Amino acid sequence: MGEGERLLKVSQCYLSTTSGPLAGLLFISTDRVAFCSERSMKVFTQKDPKFVKVLKVIFNHVQVVIPLKKINCVNQSENVQKPTQKYIEMVTVDNFDFWFMGVLKYQKTFKYLEQAVSQS
């Protein structure tokens, strides 16, 4: 956290990824929104693809940090067939979508997100 930045809310949730939901914590502050996974994730990197294909396995926590100024909008959504399954969509100014699901205290978390983005 930077100087003058205040933490507003922390919520347990899942970040939707191409390999499935990733459990972690969503942090909302006066300057940014961040997500950090609870567990590390296996990531494969390719080393020097021109000569030798060597795959390296790295275990890292997934971390996403988005300055509030870079968030275009925050939307609520729900599963049409299961309305109890609610989602929060965060769209950045470069049209990248982040989807959060299984958010504990969904309404309160959405309210904090909406307020933080509108005040930035």
PDB file of N, CA and C in Angstrom:
ATOM      1  N   MET A   1       0.852  -1.178   0.000  1.00  0.00           N
ATOM      2  CA  MET A   1       0.000   0.000   0.000  1.00  0.00           C
ATOM      3  C   MET A   1       0.890   1.231   0.000  1.00  0.00           C
ATOM      4  N   GLY A   2       0.446   2.210  -0.737  1.00  0.00           N
ATOM      5  CA  GLY A   2       1.198   3.446  -0.838  1.00  0.00           C
ATOM      6  C   GLY A   2       0.836   4.426   0.262  1.00  0.00           C
ATOM      7  N   GLU A   3       1.582   5.502   0.315  1.00  0.00           N
ATOM      8  CA  GLU A   3       1.337   6.535   1.317  1.00  0.00           C
ATOM      9  C   GLU A   3      -0.034   7.169   1.076  1.00  0.00           C
ATOM     10  N   GLY A   4      -0.818   7.269   2.122  1.00  0.00           N
ATOM     11  CA  GLY A   4      -2.147   7.854   2.027  1.00  0.00           C
ATOM     12  C   GLY A   4      -3.222   6.885   1.545  1.00  0.00           C
ATOM     13  N   GLU A   5      -2.830   5.694   1.149  1.00  0.00           N
ATOM     14  CA  GLU A   5      -3.787   4.694   0.677  1.00  0.00           C
ATOM     15  C   GLU A   5      -4.404   3.978   1.876  1.00  0.00           C
ATOM     16  N   ARG A   6      -5.711   3.738   1.811  1.00  0.00           N
ATOM     17  CA  ARG A   6      -6.407   3.035   2.889  1.00  0.00           C
ATOM     18  C   ARG A   6      -7.070   1.777   2.348  1.00  0.00           C
ATOM     19  N   LEU A   7      -6.996   0.710   3.112  1.00  0.00           N
ATOM     20  CA  LEU A   7      -7.671  -0.531   2.771  1.00  0.00           C
ATOM     21  C   LEU A   7      -9.140  -0.387   3.165  1.00  0.00           C
ATOM     22  N   LEU A   8     -10.043  -0.626   2.211  1.00  0.00           N
ATOM     23  CA  LEU A   8     -11.470  -0.465   2.469  1.00  0.00           C
ATOM     24  C   LEU A   8     -12.174  -1.781   2.775  1.00  0.00           C
ATOM     25  N   LYS A   9     -11.809  -2.836   2.049  1.00  0.00           N
ATOM     26  CA  LYS A   9     -12.521  -4.113   2.184  1.00  0.00           C
ATOM     27  C   LYS A   9     -11.644  -5.250   1.695  1.00  0.00           C
ATOM     28  N   VAL A  10     -11.756  -6.390   2.356  1.00  0.00           N
ATOM     29  CA  VAL A  10     -11.116  -7.631   1.921  1.00  0.00           C
ATOM     30  C   VAL A  10     -12.209  -8.687   1.881  1.00  0.00           C
ATOM     31  N   SER A  11     -12.293  -9.409   0.764  1.00  0.00           N
ATOM     32  CA  SER A  11     -13.316 -10.440   0.614  1.00  0.00           C
ATOM     33  C   SER A  11     -12.714 -11.715   0.053  1.00  0.00           C
ATOM     34  N   GLN A  12     -13.189 -12.842   0.569  1.00  0.00           N
ATOM     35  CA  GLN A  12     -12.822 -14.116  -0.033  1.00  0.00           C
ATOM     36  C   GLN A  12     -13.664 -14.291  -1.286  1.00  0.00           C
ATOM     37  N   CYS A  13     -13.038 -14.805  -2.344  1.00  0.00           N
ATOM     38  CA  CYS A  13     -13.767 -15.040  -3.586  1.00  0.00           C
ATOM     39  C   CYS A  13     -12.948 -15.937  -4.497  1.00  0.00           C
ATOM     40  N   TYR A  14     -13.444 -16.139  -5.685  1.00  0.00           N
ATOM     41  CA  TYR A  14     -12.745 -16.885  -6.723  1.00  0.00           C
ATOM     42  C   TYR A  14     -12.574 -15.974  -7.930  1.00  0.00           C
ATOM     43  N   LEU A  15     -11.412 -16.041  -8.538  1.00  0.00           N
ATOM     44  CA  LEU A  15     -11.157 -15.354  -9.800  1.00  0.00           C
ATOM     45  C   LEU A  15     -11.366 -16.377 -10.903  1.00  0.00           C
ATOM     46  N   SER A  16     -12.183 -16.036 -11.889  1.00  0.00           N
ATOM     47  CA  SER A  16     -12.411 -16.927 -13.007  1.00  0.00           C
ATOM     48  C   SER A  16     -11.198 -16.894 -13.934  1.00  0.00           C
ATOM     49  N   THR A  17     -10.637 -18.067 -14.229  1.00  0.00           N
ATOM     50  CA  THR A  17      -9.503 -18.171 -15.144  1.00  0.00           C
ATOM     51  C   THR A  17      -9.828 -19.217 -16.194  1.00  0.00           C
ATOM     52  N   THR A  18      -9.038 -19.255 -17.252  1.00  0.00           N
ATOM     53  CA  THR A  18      -9.264 -20.240 -18.308  1.00  0.00           C
ATOM     54  C   THR A  18      -9.074 -21.668 -17.801  1.00  0.00           C
ATOM     55  N   SER A  19      -8.334 -21.843 -16.713  1.00  0.00           N
ATOM     56  CA  SER A  19      -8.157 -23.186 -16.155  1.00  0.00           C
ATOM     57  C   SER A  19      -9.073 -23.438 -14.960  1.00  0.00           C
ATOM     58  N   GLY A  20     -10.082 -22.605 -14.782  1.00  0.00           N
ATOM     59  CA  GLY A  20     -11.053 -22.805 -13.707  1.00  0.00           C
ATOM     60  C   GLY A  20     -10.944 -21.750 -12.631  1.00  0.00           C
ATOM     61  N   PRO A  21     -11.887 -21.757 -11.687  1.00  0.00           N
ATOM     62  CA  PRO A  21     -11.893 -20.759 -10.618  1.00  0.00           C
ATOM     63  C   PRO A  21     -10.678 -20.901  -9.711  1.00  0.00           C
ATOM     64  N   LEU A  22     -10.149 -19.762  -9.290  1.00  0.00           N
ATOM     65  CA  LEU A  22      -8.970 -19.717  -8.439  1.00  0.00           C
ATOM     66  C   LEU A  22      -9.330 -19.010  -7.138  1.00  0.00           C
ATOM     67  N   ALA A  23      -9.252 -19.722  -6.014  1.00  0.00           N
ATOM     68  CA  ALA A  23      -9.612 -19.162  -4.715  1.00  0.00           C
ATOM     69  C   ALA A  23      -8.578 -18.151  -4.250  1.00  0.00           C
ATOM     70  N   GLY A  24      -9.061 -17.093  -3.604  1.00  0.00           N
ATOM     71  CA  GLY A  24      -8.135 -16.097  -3.084  1.00  0.00           C
ATOM     72  C   GLY A  24      -8.858 -14.982  -2.362  1.00  0.00           C
ATOM     73  N   LEU A  25      -8.133 -13.887  -2.199  1.00  0.00           N
ATOM     74  CA  LEU A  25      -8.667 -12.714  -1.510  1.00  0.00           C
ATOM     75  C   LEU A  25      -8.696 -11.524  -2.451  1.00  0.00           C
ATOM     76  N   LEU A  26      -9.794 -10.776  -2.397  1.00  0.00           N
ATOM     77  CA  LEU A  26      -9.956  -9.553  -3.167  1.00  0.00           C
ATOM     78  C   LEU A  26      -9.774  -8.381  -2.217  1.00  0.00           C
ATOM     79  N   PHE A  27      -8.815  -7.517  -2.517  1.00  0.00           N
ATOM     80  CA  PHE A  27      -8.519  -6.350  -1.696  1.00  0.00           C
ATOM     81  C   PHE A  27      -9.008  -5.100  -2.422  1.00  0.00           C
ATOM     82  N   ILE A  28      -9.760  -4.260  -1.737  1.00  0.00           N
ATOM     83  CA  ILE A  28     -10.226  -3.000  -2.308  1.00  0.00           C
ATOM     84  C   ILE A  28      -9.655  -1.882  -1.447  1.00  0.00           C
ATOM     85  N   SER A  29      -8.907  -0.978  -2.079  1.00  0.00           N
ATOM     86  CA  SER A  29      -8.337   0.153  -1.344  1.00  0.00           C
ATOM     87  C   SER A  29      -8.782   1.445  -2.003  1.00  0.00           C
ATOM     88  N   THR A  30      -8.319   2.540  -1.476  1.00  0.00           N
ATOM     89  CA  THR A  30      -8.664   3.846  -2.034  1.00  0.00           C
ATOM     90  C   THR A  30      -7.931   4.108  -3.341  1.00  0.00           C
ATOM     91  N   ASP A  31      -6.927   3.288  -3.693  1.00  0.00           N
ATOM     92  CA  ASP A  31      -6.146   3.496  -4.916  1.00  0.00           C
ATOM     93  C   ASP A  31      -6.211   2.353  -5.921  1.00  0.00           C
ATOM     94  N   ARG A  32      -6.528   1.147  -5.458  1.00  0.00           N
ATOM     95  CA  ARG A  32      -6.456  -0.003  -6.364  1.00  0.00           C
ATOM     96  C   ARG A  32      -7.310  -1.161  -5.876  1.00  0.00           C
ATOM     97  N   VAL A  33      -7.488  -2.110  -6.794  1.00  0.00           N
ATOM     98  CA  VAL A  33      -8.131  -3.385  -6.484  1.00  0.00           C
ATOM     99  C   VAL A  33      -7.075  -4.452  -6.745  1.00  0.00           C
ATOM    100  N   ALA A  34      -6.969  -5.411  -5.835  1.00  0.00           N
ATOM    101  CA  ALA A  34      -5.968  -6.462  -5.999  1.00  0.00           C
ATOM    102  C   ALA A  34      -6.581  -7.807  -5.642  1.00  0.00           C
ATOM    103  N   PHE A  35      -6.072  -8.844  -6.276  1.00  0.00           N
ATOM    104  CA  PHE A  35      -6.461 -10.216  -5.979  1.00  0.00           C
ATOM    105  C   PHE A  35      -5.195 -11.019  -5.776  1.00  0.00           C
ATOM    106  N   CYS A  36      -5.175 -11.858  -4.750  1.00  0.00           N
ATOM    107  CA  CYS A  36      -4.047 -12.758  -4.515  1.00  0.00           C
ATOM    108  C   CYS A  36      -4.609 -14.149  -4.242  1.00  0.00           C
ATOM    109  N   SER A  37      -4.119 -15.132  -4.999  1.00  0.00           N
ATOM    110  CA  SER A  37      -4.610 -16.498  -4.820  1.00  0.00           C
ATOM    111  C   SER A  37      -4.136 -17.061  -3.485  1.00  0.00           C
ATOM    112  N   GLU A  38      -4.931 -17.976  -2.948  1.00  0.00           N
ATOM    113  CA  GLU A  38      -4.585 -18.613  -1.677  1.00  0.00           C
ATOM    114  C   GLU A  38      -3.478 -19.642  -1.863  1.00  0.00           C
ATOM    115  N   ARG A  39      -3.459 -20.275  -3.005  1.00  0.00           N
ATOM    116  CA  ARG A  39      -2.466 -21.312  -3.284  1.00  0.00           C
ATOM    117  C   ARG A  39      -1.635 -20.911  -4.481  1.00  0.00           C
ATOM    118  N   SER A  40      -0.460 -21.492  -4.549  1.00  0.00           N
ATOM    119  CA  SER A  40       0.369 -21.232  -5.718  1.00  0.00           C
ATOM    120  C   SER A  40      -0.140 -22.077  -6.880  1.00  0.00           C
ATOM    121  N   MET A  41       0.162 -21.622  -8.066  1.00  0.00           N
ATOM    122  CA  MET A  41      -0.309 -22.276  -9.275  1.00  0.00           C
ATOM    123  C   MET A  41       0.891 -22.684 -10.115  1.00  0.00           C
ATOM    124  N   LYS A  42       0.783 -23.828 -10.743  1.00  0.00           N
ATOM    125  CA  LYS A  42       1.861 -24.325 -11.580  1.00  0.00           C
ATOM    126  C   LYS A  42       1.844 -23.567 -12.910  1.00  0.00           C
ATOM    127  N   VAL A  43       2.988 -22.968 -13.254  1.00  0.00           N
ATOM    128  CA  VAL A  43       3.114 -22.215 -14.501  1.00  0.00           C
ATOM    129  C   VAL A  43       4.296 -22.789 -15.268  1.00  0.00           C
ATOM    130  N   PHE A  44       4.107 -23.061 -16.542  1.00  0.00           N
ATOM    131  CA  PHE A  44       5.181 -23.575 -17.375  1.00  0.00           C
ATOM    132  C   PHE A  44       5.762 -22.436 -18.198  1.00  0.00           C
ATOM    133  N   THR A  45       7.069 -22.329 -18.210  1.00  0.00           N
ATOM    134  CA  THR A  45       7.735 -21.345 -19.055  1.00  0.00           C
ATOM    135  C   THR A  45       8.672 -22.083 -19.991  1.00  0.00           C
ATOM    136  N   GLN A  46       8.883 -21.503 -21.142  1.00  0.00           N
ATOM    137  CA  GLN A  46       9.761 -22.123 -22.127  1.00  0.00           C
ATOM    138  C   GLN A  46      11.047 -21.311 -22.157  1.00  0.00           C
ATOM    139  N   LYS A  47      12.161 -21.992 -22.043  1.00  0.00           N
ATOM    140  CA  LYS A  47      13.454 -21.326 -21.989  1.00  0.00           C
ATOM    141  C   LYS A  47      14.162 -21.485 -23.336  1.00  0.00           C
ATOM    142  N   ASP A  48      14.567 -20.377 -23.915  1.00  0.00           N
ATOM    143  CA  ASP A  48      15.334 -20.338 -25.154  1.00  0.00           C
ATOM    144  C   ASP A  48      14.717 -21.222 -26.248  1.00  0.00           C
ATOM    145  N   PRO A  49      13.539 -20.841 -26.761  1.00  0.00           N
ATOM    146  CA  PRO A  49      12.842 -21.701 -27.719  1.00  0.00           C
ATOM    147  C   PRO A  49      13.566 -21.870 -29.059  1.00  0.00           C
ATOM    148  N   LYS A  50      14.561 -21.039 -29.386  1.00  0.00           N
ATOM    149  CA  LYS A  50      15.268 -21.152 -30.666  1.00  0.00           C
ATOM    150  C   LYS A  50      16.153 -22.385 -30.729  1.00  0.00           C
ATOM    151  N   PHE A  51      16.752 -22.742 -29.603  1.00  0.00           N
ATOM    152  CA  PHE A  51      17.747 -23.821 -29.611  1.00  0.00           C
ATOM    153  C   PHE A  51      17.251 -25.096 -28.953  1.00  0.00           C
ATOM    154  N   VAL A  52      16.860 -24.998 -27.728  1.00  0.00           N
ATOM    155  CA  VAL A  52      16.452 -26.198 -26.990  1.00  0.00           C
ATOM    156  C   VAL A  52      15.131 -25.902 -26.301  1.00  0.00           C
ATOM    157  N   LYS A  53      14.204 -26.812 -26.450  1.00  0.00           N
ATOM    158  CA  LYS A  53      12.921 -26.625 -25.769  1.00  0.00           C
ATOM    159  C   LYS A  53      13.027 -27.212 -24.373  1.00  0.00           C
ATOM    160  N   VAL A  54      13.157 -26.348 -23.410  1.00  0.00           N
ATOM    161  CA  VAL A  54      13.245 -26.753 -22.015  1.00  0.00           C
ATOM    162  C   VAL A  54      12.073 -26.111 -21.290  1.00  0.00           C
ATOM    163  N   LEU A  55      11.237 -26.937 -20.708  1.00  0.00           N
ATOM    164  CA  LEU A  55      10.129 -26.402 -19.935  1.00  0.00           C
ATOM    165  C   LEU A  55      10.545 -26.290 -18.482  1.00  0.00           C
ATOM    166  N   LYS A  56      10.241 -25.162 -17.917  1.00  0.00           N
ATOM    167  CA  LYS A  56      10.554 -24.925 -16.516  1.00  0.00           C
ATOM    168  C   LYS A  56       9.231 -24.755 -15.775  1.00  0.00           C
ATOM    169  N   VAL A  57       9.088 -25.425 -14.666  1.00  0.00           N
ATOM    170  CA  VAL A  57       7.875 -25.331 -13.866  1.00  0.00           C
ATOM    171  C   VAL A  57       8.124 -24.355 -12.724  1.00  0.00           C
ATOM    172  N   ILE A  58       7.239 -23.385 -12.607  1.00  0.00           N
ATOM    173  CA  ILE A  58       7.337 -22.385 -11.542  1.00  0.00           C
ATOM    174  C   ILE A  58       6.037 -22.441 -10.742  1.00  0.00           C
ATOM    175  N   PHE A  59       6.137 -22.397  -9.432  1.00  0.00           N
ATOM    176  CA  PHE A  59       4.960 -22.331  -8.575  1.00  0.00           C
ATOM    177  C   PHE A  59       4.872 -20.918  -8.019  1.00  0.00           C
ATOM    178  N   ASN A  60       3.831 -20.197  -8.411  1.00  0.00           N
ATOM    179  CA  ASN A  60       3.643 -18.819  -7.972  1.00  0.00           C
ATOM    180  C   ASN A  60       2.203 -18.591  -7.542  1.00  0.00           C
ATOM    181  N   HIS A  61       2.037 -17.662  -6.623  1.00  0.00           N
ATOM    182  CA  HIS A  61       0.701 -17.180  -6.313  1.00  0.00           C
ATOM    183  C   HIS A  61       0.290 -16.264  -7.448  1.00  0.00           C
ATOM    184  N   VAL A  62      -0.972 -16.327  -7.813  1.00  0.00           N
ATOM    185  CA  VAL A  62      -1.482 -15.429  -8.843  1.00  0.00           C
ATOM    186  C   VAL A  62      -1.845 -14.119  -8.168  1.00  0.00           C
ATOM    187  N   GLN A  63      -1.291 -13.038  -8.680  1.00  0.00           N
ATOM    188  CA  GLN A  63      -1.572 -11.714  -8.136  1.00  0.00           C
ATOM    189  C   GLN A  63      -2.004 -10.795  -9.265  1.00  0.00           C
ATOM    190  N   VAL A  64      -3.096 -10.090  -9.037  1.00  0.00           N
ATOM    191  CA  VAL A  64      -3.606  -9.119  -9.998  1.00  0.00           C
ATOM    192  C   VAL A  64      -3.755  -7.804  -9.248  1.00  0.00           C
ATOM    193  N   VAL A  65      -3.184  -6.734  -9.789  1.00  0.00           N
ATOM    194  CA  VAL A  65      -3.313  -5.419  -9.176  1.00  0.00           C
ATOM    195  C   VAL A  65      -3.766  -4.449 -10.258  1.00  0.00           C
ATOM    196  N   ILE A  66      -4.883  -3.775 -10.018  1.00  0.00           N
ATOM    197  CA  ILE A  66      -5.443  -2.848 -10.996  1.00  0.00           C
ATOM    198  C   ILE A  66      -5.673  -1.495 -10.320  1.00  0.00           C
ATOM    199  N   PRO A  67      -4.992  -0.452 -10.793  1.00  0.00           N
ATOM    200  CA  PRO A  67      -5.272   0.887 -10.259  1.00  0.00           C
ATOM    201  C   PRO A  67      -6.727   1.268 -10.562  1.00  0.00           C
ATOM    202  N   LEU A  68      -7.383   1.929  -9.627  1.00  0.00           N
ATOM    203  CA  LEU A  68      -8.784   2.301  -9.812  1.00  0.00           C
ATOM    204  C   LEU A  68      -8.987   3.148 -11.063  1.00  0.00           C
ATOM    205  N   LYS A  69      -7.999   3.960 -11.411  1.00  0.00           N
ATOM    206  CA  LYS A  69      -8.099   4.822 -12.595  1.00  0.00           C
ATOM    207  C   LYS A  69      -8.187   4.010 -13.885  1.00  0.00           C
ATOM    208  N   LYS A  70      -7.742   2.749 -13.839  1.00  0.00           N
ATOM    209  CA  LYS A  70      -7.739   1.883 -15.020  1.00  0.00           C
ATOM    210  C   LYS A  70      -8.994   1.017 -15.121  1.00  0.00           C
ATOM    211  N   ILE A  71      -9.914   1.167 -14.159  1.00  0.00           N
ATOM    212  CA  ILE A  71     -11.154   0.384 -14.181  1.00  0.00           C
ATOM    213  C   ILE A  71     -12.243   1.229 -14.828  1.00  0.00           C
ATOM    214  N   ASN A  72     -12.802   0.696 -15.894  1.00  0.00           N
ATOM    215  CA  ASN A  72     -13.845   1.406 -16.634  1.00  0.00           C
ATOM    216  C   ASN A  72     -15.198   1.269 -15.940  1.00  0.00           C
ATOM    217  N   CYS A  73     -15.543   0.031 -15.529  1.00  0.00           N
ATOM    218  CA  CYS A  73     -16.817  -0.184 -14.854  1.00  0.00           C
ATOM    219  C   CYS A  73     -16.803  -1.488 -14.072  1.00  0.00           C
ATOM    220  N   VAL A  74     -17.767  -1.584 -13.166  1.00  0.00           N
ATOM    221  CA  VAL A  74     -17.976  -2.778 -12.354  1.00  0.00           C
ATOM    222  C   VAL A  74     -19.443  -3.147 -12.495  1.00  0.00           C
ATOM    223  N   ASN A  75     -19.714  -4.399 -12.848  1.00  0.00           N
ATOM    224  CA  ASN A  75     -21.085  -4.844 -13.096  1.00  0.00           C
ATOM    225  C   ASN A  75     -21.438  -6.055 -12.250  1.00  0.00           C
ATOM    226  N   GLN A  76     -22.726  -6.152 -11.923  1.00  0.00           N
ATOM    227  CA  GLN A  76     -23.246  -7.342 -11.247  1.00  0.00           C
ATOM    228  C   GLN A  76     -23.835  -8.281 -12.287  1.00  0.00           C
ATOM    229  N   SER A  77     -23.746  -9.564 -12.027  1.00  0.00           N
ATOM    230  CA  SER A  77     -24.311 -10.557 -12.929  1.00  0.00           C
ATOM    231  C   SER A  77     -24.705 -11.770 -12.105  1.00  0.00           C
ATOM    232  N   GLU A  78     -25.575 -12.597 -12.677  1.00  0.00           N
ATOM    233  CA  GLU A  78     -25.954 -13.832 -11.992  1.00  0.00           C
ATOM    234  C   GLU A  78     -26.220 -14.921 -13.016  1.00  0.00           C
ATOM    235  N   ASN A  79     -26.128 -16.145 -12.563  1.00  0.00           N
ATOM    236  CA  ASN A  79     -26.420 -17.299 -13.390  1.00  0.00           C
ATOM    237  C   ASN A  79     -27.938 -17.348 -13.588  1.00  0.00           C
ATOM    238  N   VAL A  80     -28.376 -17.326 -14.828  1.00  0.00           N
ATOM    239  CA  VAL A  80     -29.809 -17.300 -15.128  1.00  0.00           C
ATOM    240  C   VAL A  80     -30.517 -18.532 -14.572  1.00  0.00           C
ATOM    241  N   GLN A  81     -29.856 -19.688 -14.650  1.00  0.00           N
ATOM    242  CA  GLN A  81     -30.483 -20.914 -14.168  1.00  0.00           C
ATOM    243  C   GLN A  81     -30.353 -21.089 -12.655  1.00  0.00           C
ATOM    244  N   LYS A  82     -29.350 -20.437 -12.057  1.00  0.00           N
ATOM    245  CA  LYS A  82     -29.151 -20.506 -10.604  1.00  0.00           C
ATOM    246  C   LYS A  82     -28.903 -19.089 -10.087  1.00  0.00           C
ATOM    247  N   PRO A  83     -29.969 -18.312  -9.855  1.00  0.00           N
ATOM    248  CA  PRO A  83     -29.811 -16.901  -9.457  1.00  0.00           C
ATOM    249  C   PRO A  83     -29.016 -16.680  -8.166  1.00  0.00           C
ATOM    250  N   THR A  84     -28.831 -17.723  -7.377  1.00  0.00           N
ATOM    251  CA  THR A  84     -28.031 -17.553  -6.157  1.00  0.00           C
ATOM    252  C   THR A  84     -26.541 -17.454  -6.475  1.00  0.00           C
ATOM    253  N   GLN A  85     -26.151 -17.885  -7.687  1.00  0.00           N
ATOM    254  CA  GLN A  85     -24.752 -17.770  -8.114  1.00  0.00           C
ATOM    255  C   GLN A  85     -24.552 -16.397  -8.738  1.00  0.00           C
ATOM    256  N   LYS A  86     -23.897 -15.519  -7.982  1.00  0.00           N
ATOM    257  CA  LYS A  86     -23.712 -14.139  -8.422  1.00  0.00           C
ATOM    258  C   LYS A  86     -22.247 -13.900  -8.779  1.00  0.00           C
ATOM    259  N   TYR A  87     -22.047 -12.982  -9.716  1.00  0.00           N
ATOM    260  CA  TYR A  87     -20.710 -12.664 -10.213  1.00  0.00           C
ATOM    261  C   TYR A  87     -20.499 -11.159 -10.206  1.00  0.00           C
ATOM    262  N   ILE A  88     -19.243 -10.766 -10.105  1.00  0.00           N
ATOM    263  CA  ILE A  88     -18.869  -9.368 -10.271  1.00  0.00           C
ATOM    264  C   ILE A  88     -17.916  -9.311 -11.461  1.00  0.00           C
ATOM    265  N   GLU A  89     -18.261  -8.481 -12.432  1.00  0.00           N
ATOM    266  CA  GLU A  89     -17.417  -8.281 -13.607  1.00  0.00           C
ATOM    267  C   GLU A  89     -16.739  -6.925 -13.460  1.00  0.00           C
ATOM    268  N   MET A  90     -15.435  -6.908 -13.636  1.00  0.00           N
ATOM    269  CA  MET A  90     -14.670  -5.664 -13.608  1.00  0.00           C
ATOM    270  C   MET A  90     -14.045  -5.499 -14.994  1.00  0.00           C
ATOM    271  N   VAL A  91     -14.340  -4.388 -15.651  1.00  0.00           N
ATOM    272  CA  VAL A  91     -13.835  -4.132 -16.997  1.00  0.00           C
ATOM    273  C   VAL A  91     -12.841  -2.978 -16.931  1.00  0.00           C
ATOM    274  N   THR A  92     -11.644  -3.204 -17.469  1.00  0.00           N
ATOM    275  CA  THR A  92     -10.620  -2.163 -17.459  1.00  0.00           C
ATOM    276  C   THR A  92     -10.774  -1.266 -18.683  1.00  0.00           C
ATOM    277  N   VAL A  93     -10.061  -0.144 -18.692  1.00  0.00           N
ATOM    278  CA  VAL A  93     -10.148   0.807 -19.802  1.00  0.00           C
ATOM    279  C   VAL A  93      -9.666   0.202 -21.117  1.00  0.00           C
ATOM    280  N   ASP A  94      -8.863  -0.850 -21.060  1.00  0.00           N
ATOM    281  CA  ASP A  94      -8.419  -1.521 -22.289  1.00  0.00           C
ATOM    282  C   ASP A  94      -9.299  -2.745 -22.608  1.00  0.00           C
ATOM    283  N   ASN A  95     -10.516  -2.768 -22.043  1.00  0.00           N
ATOM    284  CA  ASN A  95     -11.539  -3.794 -22.301  1.00  0.00           C
ATOM    285  C   ASN A  95     -11.140  -5.204 -21.876  1.00  0.00           C
ATOM    286  N   PHE A  96     -10.360  -5.341 -20.829  1.00  0.00           N
ATOM    287  CA  PHE A  96     -10.045  -6.655 -20.275  1.00  0.00           C
ATOM    288  C   PHE A  96     -11.040  -6.930 -19.152  1.00  0.00           C
ATOM    289  N   ASP A  97     -11.638  -8.108 -19.149  1.00  0.00           N
ATOM    290  CA  ASP A  97     -12.637  -8.480 -18.142  1.00  0.00           C
ATOM    291  C   ASP A  97     -12.014  -9.334 -17.050  1.00  0.00           C
ATOM    292  N   PHE A  98     -12.370  -9.025 -15.816  1.00  0.00           N
ATOM    293  CA  PHE A  98     -12.050  -9.868 -14.671  1.00  0.00           C
ATOM    294  C   PHE A  98     -13.372 -10.278 -14.067  1.00  0.00           C
ATOM    295  N   TRP A  99     -13.542 -11.570 -13.831  1.00  0.00           N
ATOM    296  CA  TRP A  99     -14.778 -12.085 -13.256  1.00  0.00           C
ATOM    297  C   TRP A  99     -14.483 -12.691 -11.889  1.00  0.00           C
ATOM    298  N   PHE A 100     -15.233 -12.238 -10.885  1.00  0.00           N
ATOM    299  CA  PHE A 100     -15.101 -12.750  -9.525  1.00  0.00           C
ATOM    300  C   PHE A 100     -16.412 -13.445  -9.165  1.00  0.00           C
ATOM    301  N   MET A 101     -16.299 -14.610  -8.545  1.00  0.00           N
ATOM    302  CA  MET A 101     -17.484 -15.387  -8.176  1.00  0.00           C
ATOM    303  C   MET A 101     -17.326 -15.927  -6.766  1.00  0.00           C
ATOM    304  N   GLY A 102     -18.428 -16.403  -6.204  1.00  0.00           N
ATOM    305  CA  GLY A 102     -18.379 -16.951  -4.853  1.00  0.00           C
ATOM    306  C   GLY A 102     -17.918 -15.921  -3.842  1.00  0.00           C
ATOM    307  N   VAL A 103     -18.261 -14.670  -4.084  1.00  0.00           N
ATOM    308  CA  VAL A 103     -17.811 -13.572  -3.224  1.00  0.00           C
ATOM    309  C   VAL A 103     -18.599 -13.598  -1.919  1.00  0.00           C
ATOM    310  N   LEU A 104     -17.880 -13.706  -0.797  1.00  0.00           N
ATOM    311  CA  LEU A 104     -18.550 -13.623   0.496  1.00  0.00           C
ATOM    312  C   LEU A 104     -18.988 -12.176   0.709  1.00  0.00           C
ATOM    313  N   LYS A 105     -20.182 -12.006   1.265  1.00  0.00           N
ATOM    314  CA  LYS A 105     -20.763 -10.671   1.458  1.00  0.00           C
ATOM    315  C   LYS A 105     -20.791  -9.920   0.120  1.00  0.00           C
ATOM    316  N   TYR A 106     -21.420 -10.553  -0.843  1.00  0.00           N
ATOM    317  CA  TYR A 106     -21.466 -10.090  -2.231  1.00  0.00           C
ATOM    318  C   TYR A 106     -21.922  -8.627  -2.351  1.00  0.00           C
ATOM    319  N   GLN A 107     -23.077  -8.291  -1.782  1.00  0.00           N
ATOM    320  CA  GLN A 107     -23.623  -6.929  -1.929  1.00  0.00           C
ATOM    321  C   GLN A 107     -22.692  -5.873  -1.331  1.00  0.00           C
ATOM    322  N   LYS A 108     -22.150  -6.161  -0.167  1.00  0.00           N
ATOM    323  CA  LYS A 108     -21.255  -5.214   0.499  1.00  0.00           C
ATOM    324  C   LYS A 108     -19.972  -5.016  -0.325  1.00  0.00           C
ATOM    325  N   THR A 109     -19.413  -6.110  -0.826  1.00  0.00           N
ATOM    326  CA  THR A 109     -18.199  -6.037  -1.635  1.00  0.00           C
ATOM    327  C   THR A 109     -18.462  -5.257  -2.916  1.00  0.00           C
ATOM    328  N   PHE A 110     -19.588  -5.524  -3.576  1.00  0.00           N
ATOM    329  CA  PHE A 110     -19.921  -4.798  -4.797  1.00  0.00           C
ATOM    330  C   PHE A 110     -20.067  -3.306  -4.511  1.00  0.00           C
ATOM    331  N   LYS A 111     -20.715  -2.980  -3.407  1.00  0.00           N
ATOM    332  CA  LYS A 111     -20.907  -1.568  -3.035  1.00  0.00           C
ATOM    333  C   LYS A 111     -19.555  -0.871  -2.848  1.00  0.00           C
ATOM    334  N   TYR A 112     -18.624  -1.512  -2.152  1.00  0.00           N
ATOM    335  CA  TYR A 112     -17.287  -0.932  -1.951  1.00  0.00           C
ATOM    336  C   TYR A 112     -16.556  -0.747  -3.279  1.00  0.00           C
ATOM    337  N   LEU A 113     -16.652  -1.752  -4.147  1.00  0.00           N
ATOM    338  CA  LEU A 113     -16.015  -1.655  -5.473  1.00  0.00           C
ATOM    339  C   LEU A 113     -16.592  -0.491  -6.270  1.00  0.00           C
ATOM    340  N   GLU A 114     -17.896  -0.420  -6.302  1.00  0.00           N
ATOM    341  CA  GLU A 114     -18.592   0.631  -7.051  1.00  0.00           C
ATOM    342  C   GLU A 114     -18.208   2.021  -6.529  1.00  0.00           C
ATOM    343  N   GLN A 115     -18.182   2.178  -5.218  1.00  0.00           N
ATOM    344  CA  GLN A 115     -17.820   3.461  -4.615  1.00  0.00           C
ATOM    345  C   GLN A 115     -16.363   3.822  -4.897  1.00  0.00           C
ATOM    346  N   ALA A 116     -15.478   2.852  -4.751  1.00  0.00           N
ATOM    347  CA  ALA A 116     -14.045   3.108  -4.988  1.00  0.00           C
ATOM    348  C   ALA A 116     -13.801   3.541  -6.427  1.00  0.00           C
ATOM    349  N   VAL A 117     -14.436   2.859  -7.387  1.00  0.00           N
ATOM    350  CA  VAL A 117     -14.242   3.194  -8.795  1.00  0.00           C
ATOM    351  C   VAL A 117     -14.842   4.565  -9.107  1.00  0.00           C
ATOM    352  N   SER A 118     -15.996   4.864  -8.558  1.00  0.00           N
ATOM    353  CA  SER A 118     -16.645   6.149  -8.853  1.00  0.00           C
ATOM    354  C   SER A 118     -15.894   7.332  -8.233  1.00  0.00           C
ATOM    355  N   GLN A 119     -15.167   7.103  -7.150  1.00  0.00           N
ATOM    356  CA  GLN A 119     -14.436   8.191  -6.484  1.00  0.00           C
ATOM    357  C   GLN A 119     -13.016   8.377  -7.014  1.00  0.00           C
ATOM    358  N   SER A 120     -12.594   7.516  -7.932  1.00  0.00           N
ATOM    359  CA  SER A 120     -11.215   7.635  -8.425  1.00  0.00           C
ATOM    360  C   SER A 120     -11.104   8.678  -9.534  1.00  0.00           C
TER     361      SER A 120
END
